[in-house]
Amino acid sequence: MYKDWANTTDELTKLMQSFGKGHPEVAKGFAQLSKAAEKDGALSAKDKELMALSIGVAIRCEGCIAFHAKAAAEYGATRAEVLETIGVCLYMGGGPAFVYGAQALEAFDAFAEDR
């Protein structure tokens, strides 16, 4: 296994609790935001955790991946759902790179014409 994900969540939880002792107002505010954002509404908590997992992948945050993979499993996400979520991450990671790459080529061409 590449990483001990359970240990990652345990160790990060300790670090975050340590921060919370030093700056309790911010930690409490973040915890309230997290609870409000993840509860069932028009979207299920499971779907929200899959979204959070995909954002963790997109921004390359291993801690986010650990916490949201754990929560997705706890909310009953299936391996197939996680695979499709990751598929969208790959698509979106590739799509924006294609769009920005085309813009970069256009920018280069604009500057190269001036020579």
PDB file of N, CA and C in Angstrom:
ATOM      1  N   MET A   1       0.845  -1.179   0.000  1.00  0.00           N
ATOM      2  CA  MET A   1       0.000   0.000   0.000  1.00  0.00           C
ATOM      3  C   MET A   1       0.890   1.242   0.000  1.00  0.00           C
ATOM      4  N   TYR A   2       0.507   2.208  -0.799  1.00  0.00           N
ATOM      5  CA  TYR A   2       1.272   3.451  -0.931  1.00  0.00           C
ATOM      6  C   TYR A   2       1.322   4.228   0.380  1.00  0.00           C
ATOM      7  N   LYS A   3       0.205   4.311   1.058  1.00  0.00           N
ATOM      8  CA  LYS A   3       0.123   5.148   2.254  1.00  0.00           C
ATOM      9  C   LYS A   3      -0.796   4.484   3.276  1.00  0.00           C
ATOM     10  N   ASP A   4      -0.505   4.682   4.539  1.00  0.00           N
ATOM     11  CA  ASP A   4      -1.373   4.219   5.613  1.00  0.00           C
ATOM     12  C   ASP A   4      -2.401   5.323   5.859  1.00  0.00           C
ATOM     13  N   TRP A   5      -3.532   5.226   5.168  1.00  0.00           N
ATOM     14  CA  TRP A   5      -4.525   6.306   5.188  1.00  0.00           C
ATOM     15  C   TRP A   5      -5.169   6.468   6.551  1.00  0.00           C
ATOM     16  N   ALA A   6      -5.383   5.382   7.275  1.00  0.00           N
ATOM     17  CA  ALA A   6      -5.957   5.491   8.633  1.00  0.00           C
ATOM     18  C   ALA A   6      -4.999   6.258   9.536  1.00  0.00           C
ATOM     19  N   ASN A   7      -3.715   5.964   9.434  1.00  0.00           N
ATOM     20  CA  ASN A   7      -2.717   6.686  10.221  1.00  0.00           C
ATOM     21  C   ASN A   7      -2.681   8.164   9.803  1.00  0.00           C
ATOM     22  N   THR A   8      -2.836   8.423   8.528  1.00  0.00           N
ATOM     23  CA  THR A   8      -2.850   9.814   8.048  1.00  0.00           C
ATOM     24  C   THR A   8      -3.962  10.596   8.718  1.00  0.00           C
ATOM     25  N   THR A   9      -5.176  10.023   8.745  1.00  0.00           N
ATOM     26  CA  THR A   9      -6.283  10.753   9.382  1.00  0.00           C
ATOM     27  C   THR A   9      -6.053  10.912  10.879  1.00  0.00           C
ATOM     28  N   ASP A  10      -5.503   9.875  11.519  1.00  0.00           N
ATOM     29  CA  ASP A  10      -5.225   9.966  12.963  1.00  0.00           C
ATOM     30  C   ASP A  10      -4.207  11.062  13.266  1.00  0.00           C
ATOM     31  N   GLU A  11      -3.110  11.068  12.524  1.00  0.00           N
ATOM     32  CA  GLU A  11      -2.043  12.049  12.770  1.00  0.00           C
ATOM     33  C   GLU A  11      -2.506  13.473  12.442  1.00  0.00           C
ATOM     34  N   LEU A  12      -3.232  13.630  11.343  1.00  0.00           N
ATOM     35  CA  LEU A  12      -3.718  14.965  11.000  1.00  0.00           C
ATOM     36  C   LEU A  12      -4.754  15.457  12.000  1.00  0.00           C
ATOM     37  N   THR A  13      -5.575  14.550  12.506  1.00  0.00           N
ATOM     38  CA  THR A  13      -6.551  14.932  13.533  1.00  0.00           C
ATOM     39  C   THR A  13      -5.835  15.476  14.762  1.00  0.00           C
ATOM     40  N   LYS A  14      -4.763  14.827  15.167  1.00  0.00           N
ATOM     41  CA  LYS A  14      -3.978  15.313  16.314  1.00  0.00           C
ATOM     42  C   LYS A  14      -3.406  16.705  16.034  1.00  0.00           C
ATOM     43  N   LEU A  15      -2.865  16.892  14.849  1.00  0.00           N
ATOM     44  CA  LEU A  15      -2.300  18.201  14.494  1.00  0.00           C
ATOM     45  C   LEU A  15      -3.378  19.280  14.480  1.00  0.00           C
ATOM     46  N   MET A  16      -4.537  18.930  13.929  1.00  0.00           N
ATOM     47  CA  MET A  16      -5.624  19.907  13.863  1.00  0.00           C
ATOM     48  C   MET A  16      -6.170  20.220  15.258  1.00  0.00           C
ATOM     49  N   GLN A  17      -6.215  19.217  16.135  1.00  0.00           N
ATOM     50  CA  GLN A  17      -6.641  19.457  17.518  1.00  0.00           C
ATOM     51  C   GLN A  17      -5.651  20.368  18.233  1.00  0.00           C
ATOM     52  N   SER A  18      -4.375  20.187  17.964  1.00  0.00           N
ATOM     53  CA  SER A  18      -3.354  21.050  18.555  1.00  0.00           C
ATOM     54  C   SER A  18      -3.542  22.495  18.091  1.00  0.00           C
ATOM     55  N   PHE A  19      -3.813  22.667  16.796  1.00  0.00           N
ATOM     56  CA  PHE A  19      -4.102  24.007  16.290  1.00  0.00           C
ATOM     57  C   PHE A  19      -5.337  24.573  16.980  1.00  0.00           C
ATOM     58  N   GLY A  20      -6.360  23.729  17.131  1.00  0.00           N
ATOM     59  CA  GLY A  20      -7.613  24.163  17.754  1.00  0.00           C
ATOM     60  C   GLY A  20      -7.429  24.652  19.178  1.00  0.00           C
ATOM     61  N   LYS A  21      -6.490  24.065  19.895  1.00  0.00           N
ATOM     62  CA  LYS A  21      -6.205  24.537  21.249  1.00  0.00           C
ATOM     63  C   LYS A  21      -5.578  25.928  21.226  1.00  0.00           C
ATOM     64  N   GLY A  22      -4.801  26.186  20.198  1.00  0.00           N
ATOM     65  CA  GLY A  22      -4.149  27.483  20.086  1.00  0.00           C
ATOM     66  C   GLY A  22      -5.036  28.565  19.498  1.00  0.00           C
ATOM     67  N   HIS A  23      -5.999  28.174  18.668  1.00  0.00           N
ATOM     68  CA  HIS A  23      -6.888  29.144  18.021  1.00  0.00           C
ATOM     69  C   HIS A  23      -8.297  28.552  17.960  1.00  0.00           C
ATOM     70  N   PRO A  24      -8.933  28.425  19.130  1.00  0.00           N
ATOM     71  CA  PRO A  24     -10.207  27.704  19.209  1.00  0.00           C
ATOM     72  C   PRO A  24     -11.344  28.320  18.399  1.00  0.00           C
ATOM     73  N   GLU A  25     -11.361  29.634  18.245  1.00  0.00           N
ATOM     74  CA  GLU A  25     -12.455  30.263  17.506  1.00  0.00           C
ATOM     75  C   GLU A  25     -12.451  29.822  16.050  1.00  0.00           C
ATOM     76  N   VAL A  26     -11.278  29.779  15.448  1.00  0.00           N
ATOM     77  CA  VAL A  26     -11.168  29.381  14.047  1.00  0.00           C
ATOM     78  C   VAL A  26     -11.506  27.898  13.893  1.00  0.00           C
ATOM     79  N   ALA A  27     -10.965  27.082  14.781  1.00  0.00           N
ATOM     80  CA  ALA A  27     -11.229  25.647  14.707  1.00  0.00           C
ATOM     81  C   ALA A  27     -12.722  25.356  14.880  1.00  0.00           C
ATOM     82  N   LYS A  28     -13.352  26.030  15.818  1.00  0.00           N
ATOM     83  CA  LYS A  28     -14.784  25.833  16.042  1.00  0.00           C
ATOM     84  C   LYS A  28     -15.582  26.290  14.827  1.00  0.00           C
ATOM     85  N   GLY A  29     -15.204  27.407  14.248  1.00  0.00           N
ATOM     86  CA  GLY A  29     -15.883  27.898  13.048  1.00  0.00           C
ATOM     87  C   GLY A  29     -15.756  26.933  11.885  1.00  0.00           C
ATOM     88  N   PHE A  30     -14.569  26.367  11.720  1.00  0.00           N
ATOM     89  CA  PHE A  30     -14.359  25.402  10.643  1.00  0.00           C
ATOM     90  C   PHE A  30     -15.203  24.155  10.878  1.00  0.00           C
ATOM     91  N   ALA A  31     -15.260  23.691  12.124  1.00  0.00           N
ATOM     92  CA  ALA A  31     -16.051  22.500  12.448  1.00  0.00           C
ATOM     93  C   ALA A  31     -17.532  22.744  12.171  1.00  0.00           C
ATOM     94  N   GLN A  32     -18.021  23.937  12.503  1.00  0.00           N
ATOM     95  CA  GLN A  32     -19.420  24.273  12.232  1.00  0.00           C
ATOM     96  C   GLN A  32     -19.686  24.328  10.729  1.00  0.00           C
ATOM     97  N   LEU A  33     -18.775  24.914   9.986  1.00  0.00           N
ATOM     98  CA  LEU A  33     -18.906  24.980   8.529  1.00  0.00           C
ATOM     99  C   LEU A  33     -18.938  23.577   7.935  1.00  0.00           C
ATOM    100  N   SER A  34     -18.043  22.726   8.401  1.00  0.00           N
ATOM    101  CA  SER A  34     -17.967  21.352   7.917  1.00  0.00           C
ATOM    102  C   SER A  34     -19.284  20.611   8.169  1.00  0.00           C
ATOM    103  N   LYS A  35     -19.803  20.702   9.368  1.00  0.00           N
ATOM    104  CA  LYS A  35     -21.056  20.017   9.700  1.00  0.00           C
ATOM    105  C   LYS A  35     -22.216  20.540   8.873  1.00  0.00           C
ATOM    106  N   ALA A  36     -22.280  21.844   8.701  1.00  0.00           N
ATOM    107  CA  ALA A  36     -23.370  22.432   7.915  1.00  0.00           C
ATOM    108  C   ALA A  36     -23.272  22.034   6.445  1.00  0.00           C
ATOM    109  N   ALA A  37     -22.066  21.997   5.915  1.00  0.00           N
ATOM    110  CA  ALA A  37     -21.880  21.691   4.500  1.00  0.00           C
ATOM    111  C   ALA A  37     -22.134  20.220   4.190  1.00  0.00           C
ATOM    112  N   GLU A  38     -21.846  19.323   5.120  1.00  0.00           N
ATOM    113  CA  GLU A  38     -21.919  17.903   4.807  1.00  0.00           C
ATOM    114  C   GLU A  38     -23.264  17.252   5.100  1.00  0.00           C
ATOM    115  N   LYS A  39     -24.158  17.936   5.807  1.00  0.00           N
ATOM    116  CA  LYS A  39     -25.416  17.267   6.161  1.00  0.00           C
ATOM    117  C   LYS A  39     -26.326  17.122   4.942  1.00  0.00           C
ATOM    118  N   ASP A  40     -27.209  16.132   5.034  1.00  0.00           N
ATOM    119  CA  ASP A  40     -28.152  15.879   3.951  1.00  0.00           C
ATOM    120  C   ASP A  40     -28.998  17.109   3.664  1.00  0.00           C
ATOM    121  N   GLY A  41     -29.230  17.349   2.406  1.00  0.00           N
ATOM    122  CA  GLY A  41     -30.094  18.426   1.940  1.00  0.00           C
ATOM    123  C   GLY A  41     -30.573  18.027   0.556  1.00  0.00           C
ATOM    124  N   ALA A  42     -30.501  18.952  -0.399  1.00  0.00           N
ATOM    125  CA  ALA A  42     -30.840  18.602  -1.771  1.00  0.00           C
ATOM    126  C   ALA A  42     -29.886  17.533  -2.293  1.00  0.00           C
ATOM    127  N   LEU A  43     -28.663  17.549  -1.794  1.00  0.00           N
ATOM    128  CA  LEU A  43     -27.676  16.500  -2.081  1.00  0.00           C
ATOM    129  C   LEU A  43     -27.469  15.685  -0.819  1.00  0.00           C
ATOM    130  N   SER A  44     -27.240  14.402  -0.993  1.00  0.00           N
ATOM    131  CA  SER A  44     -26.992  13.561   0.170  1.00  0.00           C
ATOM    132  C   SER A  44     -25.595  13.830   0.726  1.00  0.00           C
ATOM    133  N   ALA A  45     -25.420  13.491   1.991  1.00  0.00           N
ATOM    134  CA  ALA A  45     -24.095  13.628   2.614  1.00  0.00           C
ATOM    135  C   ALA A  45     -23.075  12.790   1.858  1.00  0.00           C
ATOM    136  N   LYS A  46     -23.482  11.613   1.395  1.00  0.00           N
ATOM    137  CA  LYS A  46     -22.577  10.748   0.635  1.00  0.00           C
ATOM    138  C   LYS A  46     -22.118  11.450  -0.646  1.00  0.00           C
ATOM    139  N   ASP A  47     -23.066  12.038  -1.375  1.00  0.00           N
ATOM    140  CA  ASP A  47     -22.699  12.739  -2.605  1.00  0.00           C
ATOM    141  C   ASP A  47     -21.774  13.921  -2.323  1.00  0.00           C
ATOM    142  N   LYS A  48     -22.028  14.597  -1.230  1.00  0.00           N
ATOM    143  CA  LYS A  48     -21.167  15.721  -0.863  1.00  0.00           C
ATOM    144  C   LYS A  48     -19.760  15.250  -0.529  1.00  0.00           C
ATOM    145  N   GLU A  49     -19.649  14.096   0.128  1.00  0.00           N
ATOM    146  CA  GLU A  49     -18.319  13.565   0.428  1.00  0.00           C
ATOM    147  C   GLU A  49     -17.596  13.124  -0.838  1.00  0.00           C
ATOM    148  N   LEU A  50     -18.325  12.585  -1.806  1.00  0.00           N
ATOM    149  CA  LEU A  50     -17.706  12.245  -3.084  1.00  0.00           C
ATOM    150  C   LEU A  50     -17.216  13.515  -3.788  1.00  0.00           C
ATOM    151  N   MET A  51     -17.992  14.588  -3.697  1.00  0.00           N
ATOM    152  CA  MET A  51     -17.557  15.868  -4.273  1.00  0.00           C
ATOM    153  C   MET A  51     -16.300  16.364  -3.560  1.00  0.00           C
ATOM    154  N   ALA A  52     -16.306  16.280  -2.244  1.00  0.00           N
ATOM    155  CA  ALA A  52     -15.143  16.734  -1.472  1.00  0.00           C
ATOM    156  C   ALA A  52     -13.918  15.883  -1.801  1.00  0.00           C
ATOM    157  N   LEU A  53     -14.126  14.588  -1.980  1.00  0.00           N
ATOM    158  CA  LEU A  53     -13.024  13.710  -2.370  1.00  0.00           C
ATOM    159  C   LEU A  53     -12.456  14.144  -3.718  1.00  0.00           C
ATOM    160  N   SER A  54     -13.338  14.463  -4.646  1.00  0.00           N
ATOM    161  CA  SER A  54     -12.858  14.878  -5.968  1.00  0.00           C
ATOM    162  C   SER A  54     -12.097  16.195  -5.898  1.00  0.00           C
ATOM    163  N   ILE A  55     -12.523  17.084  -5.051  1.00  0.00           N
ATOM    164  CA  ILE A  55     -11.797  18.352  -4.881  1.00  0.00           C
ATOM    165  C   ILE A  55     -10.433  18.083  -4.250  1.00  0.00           C
ATOM    166  N   GLY A  56     -10.384  17.175  -3.286  1.00  0.00           N
ATOM    167  CA  GLY A  56      -9.108  16.790  -2.687  1.00  0.00           C
ATOM    168  C   GLY A  56      -8.140  16.260  -3.728  1.00  0.00           C
ATOM    169  N   VAL A  57      -8.650  15.442  -4.653  1.00  0.00           N
ATOM    170  CA  VAL A  57      -7.816  14.936  -5.745  1.00  0.00           C
ATOM    171  C   VAL A  57      -7.356  16.092  -6.619  1.00  0.00           C
ATOM    172  N   ALA A  58      -8.302  16.969  -6.988  1.00  0.00           N
ATOM    173  CA  ALA A  58      -7.997  18.068  -7.913  1.00  0.00           C
ATOM    174  C   ALA A  58      -6.939  19.017  -7.353  1.00  0.00           C
ATOM    175  N   ILE A  59      -6.984  19.253  -6.045  1.00  0.00           N
ATOM    176  CA  ILE A  59      -6.013  20.192  -5.467  1.00  0.00           C
ATOM    177  C   ILE A  59      -4.803  19.479  -4.877  1.00  0.00           C
ATOM    178  N   ARG A  60      -4.786  18.147  -5.044  1.00  0.00           N
ATOM    179  CA  ARG A  60      -3.648  17.323  -4.626  1.00  0.00           C
ATOM    180  C   ARG A  60      -3.387  17.412  -3.115  1.00  0.00           C
ATOM    181  N   CYS A  61      -4.462  17.258  -2.343  1.00  0.00           N
ATOM    182  CA  CYS A  61      -4.372  17.329  -0.881  1.00  0.00           C
ATOM    183  C   CYS A  61      -4.548  15.929  -0.306  1.00  0.00           C
ATOM    184  N   GLU A  62      -3.444  15.303   0.114  1.00  0.00           N
ATOM    185  CA  GLU A  62      -3.523  13.938   0.637  1.00  0.00           C
ATOM    186  C   GLU A  62      -4.378  13.857   1.900  1.00  0.00           C
ATOM    187  N   GLY A  63      -4.305  14.865   2.746  1.00  0.00           N
ATOM    188  CA  GLY A  63      -5.143  14.873   3.945  1.00  0.00           C
ATOM    189  C   GLY A  63      -6.619  14.934   3.591  1.00  0.00           C
ATOM    190  N   CYS A  64      -6.963  15.766   2.614  1.00  0.00           N
ATOM    191  CA  CYS A  64      -8.356  15.858   2.154  1.00  0.00           C
ATOM    192  C   CYS A  64      -8.806  14.523   1.597  1.00  0.00           C
ATOM    193  N   ILE A  65      -7.944  13.885   0.807  1.00  0.00           N
ATOM    194  CA  ILE A  65      -8.270  12.577   0.243  1.00  0.00           C
ATOM    195  C   ILE A  65      -8.541  11.583   1.378  1.00  0.00           C
ATOM    196  N   ALA A  66      -7.683  11.564   2.375  1.00  0.00           N
ATOM    197  CA  ALA A  66      -7.852  10.623   3.491  1.00  0.00           C
ATOM    198  C   ALA A  66      -9.161  10.860   4.227  1.00  0.00           C
ATOM    199  N   PHE A  67      -9.411  12.094   4.638  1.00  0.00           N
ATOM    200  CA  PHE A  67     -10.621  12.385   5.411  1.00  0.00           C
ATOM    201  C   PHE A  67     -11.887  12.128   4.608  1.00  0.00           C
ATOM    202  N   HIS A  68     -11.909  12.531   3.347  1.00  0.00           N
ATOM    203  CA  HIS A  68     -13.138  12.410   2.563  1.00  0.00           C
ATOM    204  C   HIS A  68     -13.346  11.004   2.008  1.00  0.00           C
ATOM    205  N   ALA A  69     -12.276  10.246   1.790  1.00  0.00           N
ATOM    206  CA  ALA A  69     -12.429   8.833   1.432  1.00  0.00           C
ATOM    207  C   ALA A  69     -13.024   8.077   2.611  1.00  0.00           C
ATOM    208  N   LYS A  70     -12.543   8.380   3.810  1.00  0.00           N
ATOM    209  CA  LYS A  70     -13.071   7.748   5.019  1.00  0.00           C
ATOM    210  C   LYS A  70     -14.551   8.096   5.196  1.00  0.00           C
ATOM    211  N   ALA A  71     -14.889   9.365   5.058  1.00  0.00           N
ATOM    212  CA  ALA A  71     -16.280   9.790   5.232  1.00  0.00           C
ATOM    213  C   ALA A  71     -17.178   9.190   4.152  1.00  0.00           C
ATOM    214  N   ALA A  72     -16.698   9.143   2.909  1.00  0.00           N
ATOM    215  CA  ALA A  72     -17.490   8.544   1.833  1.00  0.00           C
ATOM    216  C   ALA A  72     -17.790   7.082   2.149  1.00  0.00           C
ATOM    217  N   ALA A  73     -16.794   6.356   2.649  1.00  0.00           N
ATOM    218  CA  ALA A  73     -17.003   4.956   3.032  1.00  0.00           C
ATOM    219  C   ALA A  73     -18.011   4.861   4.168  1.00  0.00           C
ATOM    220  N   GLU A  74     -17.894   5.754   5.146  1.00  0.00           N
ATOM    221  CA  GLU A  74     -18.821   5.742   6.283  1.00  0.00           C
ATOM    222  C   GLU A  74     -20.246   6.052   5.853  1.00  0.00           C
ATOM    223  N   TYR A  75     -20.421   6.865   4.815  1.00  0.00           N
ATOM    224  CA  TYR A  75     -21.755   7.194   4.305  1.00  0.00           C
ATOM    225  C   TYR A  75     -22.256   6.158   3.302  1.00  0.00           C
ATOM    226  N   GLY A  76     -21.478   5.103   3.072  1.00  0.00           N
ATOM    227  CA  GLY A  76     -21.955   4.009   2.241  1.00  0.00           C
ATOM    228  C   GLY A  76     -21.622   4.101   0.765  1.00  0.00           C
ATOM    229  N   ALA A  77     -20.683   4.962   0.397  1.00  0.00           N
ATOM    230  CA  ALA A  77     -20.288   5.031  -1.013  1.00  0.00           C
ATOM    231  C   ALA A  77     -19.712   3.687  -1.435  1.00  0.00           C
ATOM    232  N   THR A  78     -19.941   3.347  -2.675  1.00  0.00           N
ATOM    233  CA  THR A  78     -19.406   2.097  -3.205  1.00  0.00           C
ATOM    234  C   THR A  78     -18.101   2.368  -3.937  1.00  0.00           C
ATOM    235  N   ARG A  79     -17.362   1.307  -4.165  1.00  0.00           N
ATOM    236  CA  ARG A  79     -16.118   1.425  -4.931  1.00  0.00           C
ATOM    237  C   ARG A  79     -16.422   1.936  -6.346  1.00  0.00           C
ATOM    238  N   ALA A  80     -17.519   1.473  -6.919  1.00  0.00           N
ATOM    239  CA  ALA A  80     -17.910   1.925  -8.262  1.00  0.00           C
ATOM    240  C   ALA A  80     -18.175   3.435  -8.274  1.00  0.00           C
ATOM    241  N   GLU A  81     -18.821   3.950  -7.229  1.00  0.00           N
ATOM    242  CA  GLU A  81     -19.084   5.391  -7.149  1.00  0.00           C
ATOM    243  C   GLU A  81     -17.785   6.175  -7.024  1.00  0.00           C
ATOM    244  N   VAL A  82     -16.861   5.657  -6.230  1.00  0.00           N
ATOM    245  CA  VAL A  82     -15.567   6.333  -6.074  1.00  0.00           C
ATOM    246  C   VAL A  82     -14.792   6.282  -7.385  1.00  0.00           C
ATOM    247  N   LEU A  83     -14.832   5.155  -8.088  1.00  0.00           N
ATOM    248  CA  LEU A  83     -14.159   5.065  -9.382  1.00  0.00           C
ATOM    249  C   LEU A  83     -14.715   6.092 -10.370  1.00  0.00           C
ATOM    250  N   GLU A  84     -16.041   6.241 -10.414  1.00  0.00           N
ATOM    251  CA  GLU A  84     -16.630   7.238 -11.313  1.00  0.00           C
ATOM    252  C   GLU A  84     -16.272   8.653 -10.878  1.00  0.00           C
ATOM    253  N   THR A  85     -16.231   8.891  -9.584  1.00  0.00           N
ATOM    254  CA  THR A  85     -15.816  10.200  -9.069  1.00  0.00           C
ATOM    255  C   THR A  85     -14.395  10.510  -9.522  1.00  0.00           C
ATOM    256  N   ILE A  86     -13.503   9.549  -9.391  1.00  0.00           N
ATOM    257  CA  ILE A  86     -12.110   9.742  -9.815  1.00  0.00           C
ATOM    258  C   ILE A  86     -12.040   9.920 -11.327  1.00  0.00           C
ATOM    259  N   GLY A  87     -12.894   9.223 -12.071  1.00  0.00           N
ATOM    260  CA  GLY A  87     -12.942   9.398 -13.518  1.00  0.00           C
ATOM    261  C   GLY A  87     -13.254  10.831 -13.902  1.00  0.00           C
ATOM    262  N   VAL A  88     -14.198  11.446 -13.192  1.00  0.00           N
ATOM    263  CA  VAL A  88     -14.524  12.858 -13.456  1.00  0.00           C
ATOM    264  C   VAL A  88     -13.331  13.742 -13.099  1.00  0.00           C
ATOM    265  N   CYS A  89     -12.620  13.393 -12.025  1.00  0.00           N
ATOM    266  CA  CYS A  89     -11.418  14.157 -11.658  1.00  0.00           C
ATOM    267  C   CYS A  89     -10.389  14.112 -12.783  1.00  0.00           C
ATOM    268  N   LEU A  90     -10.190  12.940 -13.347  1.00  0.00           N
ATOM    269  CA  LEU A  90      -9.224  12.809 -14.435  1.00  0.00           C
ATOM    270  C   LEU A  90      -9.663  13.611 -15.651  1.00  0.00           C
ATOM    271  N   TYR A  91     -10.934  13.539 -15.949  1.00  0.00           N
ATOM    272  CA  TYR A  91     -11.475  14.312 -17.068  1.00  0.00           C
ATOM    273  C   TYR A  91     -11.275  15.807 -16.848  1.00  0.00           C
ATOM    274  N   MET A  92     -11.637  16.275 -15.661  1.00  0.00           N
ATOM    275  CA  MET A  92     -11.540  17.707 -15.375  1.00  0.00           C
ATOM    276  C   MET A  92     -10.101  18.161 -15.247  1.00  0.00           C
ATOM    277  N   GLY A  93      -9.230  17.295 -14.788  1.00  0.00           N
ATOM    278  CA  GLY A  93      -7.814  17.644 -14.745  1.00  0.00           C
ATOM    279  C   GLY A  93      -7.249  17.774 -16.144  1.00  0.00           C
ATOM    280  N   GLY A  94      -7.715  16.901 -17.036  1.00  0.00           N
ATOM    281  CA  GLY A  94      -7.244  16.939 -18.420  1.00  0.00           C
ATOM    282  C   GLY A  94      -7.872  18.058 -19.216  1.00  0.00           C
ATOM    283  N   GLY A  95      -9.177  18.267 -19.034  1.00  0.00           N
ATOM    284  CA  GLY A  95      -9.892  19.305 -19.777  1.00  0.00           C
ATOM    285  C   GLY A  95      -9.339  20.701 -19.541  1.00  0.00           C
ATOM    286  N   PRO A  96      -9.214  21.128 -18.282  1.00  0.00           N
ATOM    287  CA  PRO A  96      -8.644  22.444 -18.038  1.00  0.00           C
ATOM    288  C   PRO A  96      -7.226  22.585 -18.586  1.00  0.00           C
ATOM    289  N   ALA A  97      -6.434  21.531 -18.496  1.00  0.00           N
ATOM    290  CA  ALA A  97      -5.082  21.609 -19.051  1.00  0.00           C
ATOM    291  C   ALA A  97      -5.139  21.815 -20.562  1.00  0.00           C
ATOM    292  N   PHE A  98      -6.088  21.167 -21.227  1.00  0.00           N
ATOM    293  CA  PHE A  98      -6.257  21.332 -22.667  1.00  0.00           C
ATOM    294  C   PHE A  98      -6.652  22.775 -22.986  1.00  0.00           C
ATOM    295  N   VAL A  99      -7.611  23.316 -22.224  1.00  0.00           N
ATOM    296  CA  VAL A  99      -8.075  24.688 -22.447  1.00  0.00           C
ATOM    297  C   VAL A  99      -6.943  25.685 -22.212  1.00  0.00           C
ATOM    298  N   TYR A 100      -6.245  25.551 -21.086  1.00  0.00           N
ATOM    299  CA  TYR A 100      -5.149  26.476 -20.797  1.00  0.00           C
ATOM    300  C   TYR A 100      -3.988  26.279 -21.753  1.00  0.00           C
ATOM    301  N   GLY A 101      -3.777  25.037 -22.166  1.00  0.00           N
ATOM    302  CA  GLY A 101      -2.730  24.777 -23.150  1.00  0.00           C
ATOM    303  C   GLY A 101      -3.013  25.484 -24.464  1.00  0.00           C
ATOM    304  N   ALA A 102      -4.266  25.457 -24.912  1.00  0.00           N
ATOM    305  CA  ALA A 102      -4.645  26.159 -26.143  1.00  0.00           C
ATOM    306  C   ALA A 102      -4.452  27.658 -25.986  1.00  0.00           C
ATOM    307  N   GLN A 103      -4.775  28.190 -24.819  1.00  0.00           N
ATOM    308  CA  GLN A 103      -4.572  29.616 -24.563  1.00  0.00           C
ATOM    309  C   GLN A 103      -3.085  29.957 -24.529  1.00  0.00           C
ATOM    310  N   ALA A 104      -2.283  29.070 -23.943  1.00  0.00           N
ATOM    311  CA  ALA A 104      -0.841  29.294 -23.892  1.00  0.00           C
ATOM    312  C   ALA A 104      -0.263  29.328 -25.305  1.00  0.00           C
ATOM    313  N   LEU A 105      -0.751  28.434 -26.166  1.00  0.00           N
ATOM    314  CA  LEU A 105      -0.289  28.426 -27.551  1.00  0.00           C
ATOM    315  C   LEU A 105      -0.677  29.722 -28.254  1.00  0.00           C
ATOM    316  N   GLU A 106      -1.909  30.179 -28.017  1.00  0.00           N
ATOM    317  CA  GLU A 106      -2.349  31.439 -28.607  1.00  0.00           C
ATOM    318  C   GLU A 106      -1.481  32.603 -28.120  1.00  0.00           C
ATOM    319  N   ALA A 107      -1.181  32.622 -26.811  1.00  0.00           N
ATOM    320  CA  ALA A 107      -0.332  33.685 -26.263  1.00  0.00           C
ATOM    321  C   ALA A 107       1.050  33.646 -26.894  1.00  0.00           C
ATOM    322  N   PHE A 108       1.621  32.443 -26.998  1.00  0.00           N
ATOM    323  CA  PHE A 108       2.929  32.323 -27.643  1.00  0.00           C
ATOM    324  C   PHE A 108       2.869  32.833 -29.075  1.00  0.00           C
ATOM    325  N   ASP A 109       1.852  32.403 -29.815  1.00  0.00           N
ATOM    326  CA  ASP A 109       1.721  32.831 -31.201  1.00  0.00           C
ATOM    327  C   ASP A 109       1.611  34.349 -31.311  1.00  0.00           C
ATOM    328  N   ALA A 110       0.889  34.970 -30.376  1.00  0.00           N
ATOM    329  CA  ALA A 110       0.740  36.432 -30.390  1.00  0.00           C
ATOM    330  C   ALA A 110       2.077  37.110 -30.199  1.00  0.00           C
ATOM    331  N   PHE A 111       2.902  36.581 -29.297  1.00  0.00           N
ATOM    332  CA  PHE A 111       4.202  37.181 -29.056  1.00  0.00           C
ATOM    333  C   PHE A 111       5.188  36.840 -30.169  1.00  0.00           C
ATOM    334  N   ALA A 112       5.101  35.653 -30.731  1.00  0.00           N
ATOM    335  CA  ALA A 112       6.008  35.235 -31.809  1.00  0.00           C
ATOM    336  C   ALA A 112       5.758  36.037 -33.062  1.00  0.00           C
ATOM    337  N   GLU A 113       4.535  36.485 -33.293  1.00  0.00           N
ATOM    338  CA  GLU A 113       4.227  37.305 -34.463  1.00  0.00           C
ATOM    339  C   GLU A 113       4.940  38.647 -34.428  1.00  0.00           C
ATOM    340  N   ASP A 114       5.243  39.117 -33.215  1.00  0.00           N
ATOM    341  CA  ASP A 114       5.880  40.416 -33.054  1.00  0.00           C
ATOM    342  C   ASP A 114       7.356  40.374 -33.443  1.00  0.00           C
ATOM    343  N   ARG A 115       7.923  39.233 -33.642  1.00  0.00           N
ATOM    344  CA  ARG A 115       9.348  39.111 -33.936  1.00  0.00           C
ATOM    345  C   ARG A 115       9.623  39.178 -35.395  1.00  0.00           C
TER     346      ARG A 115
END
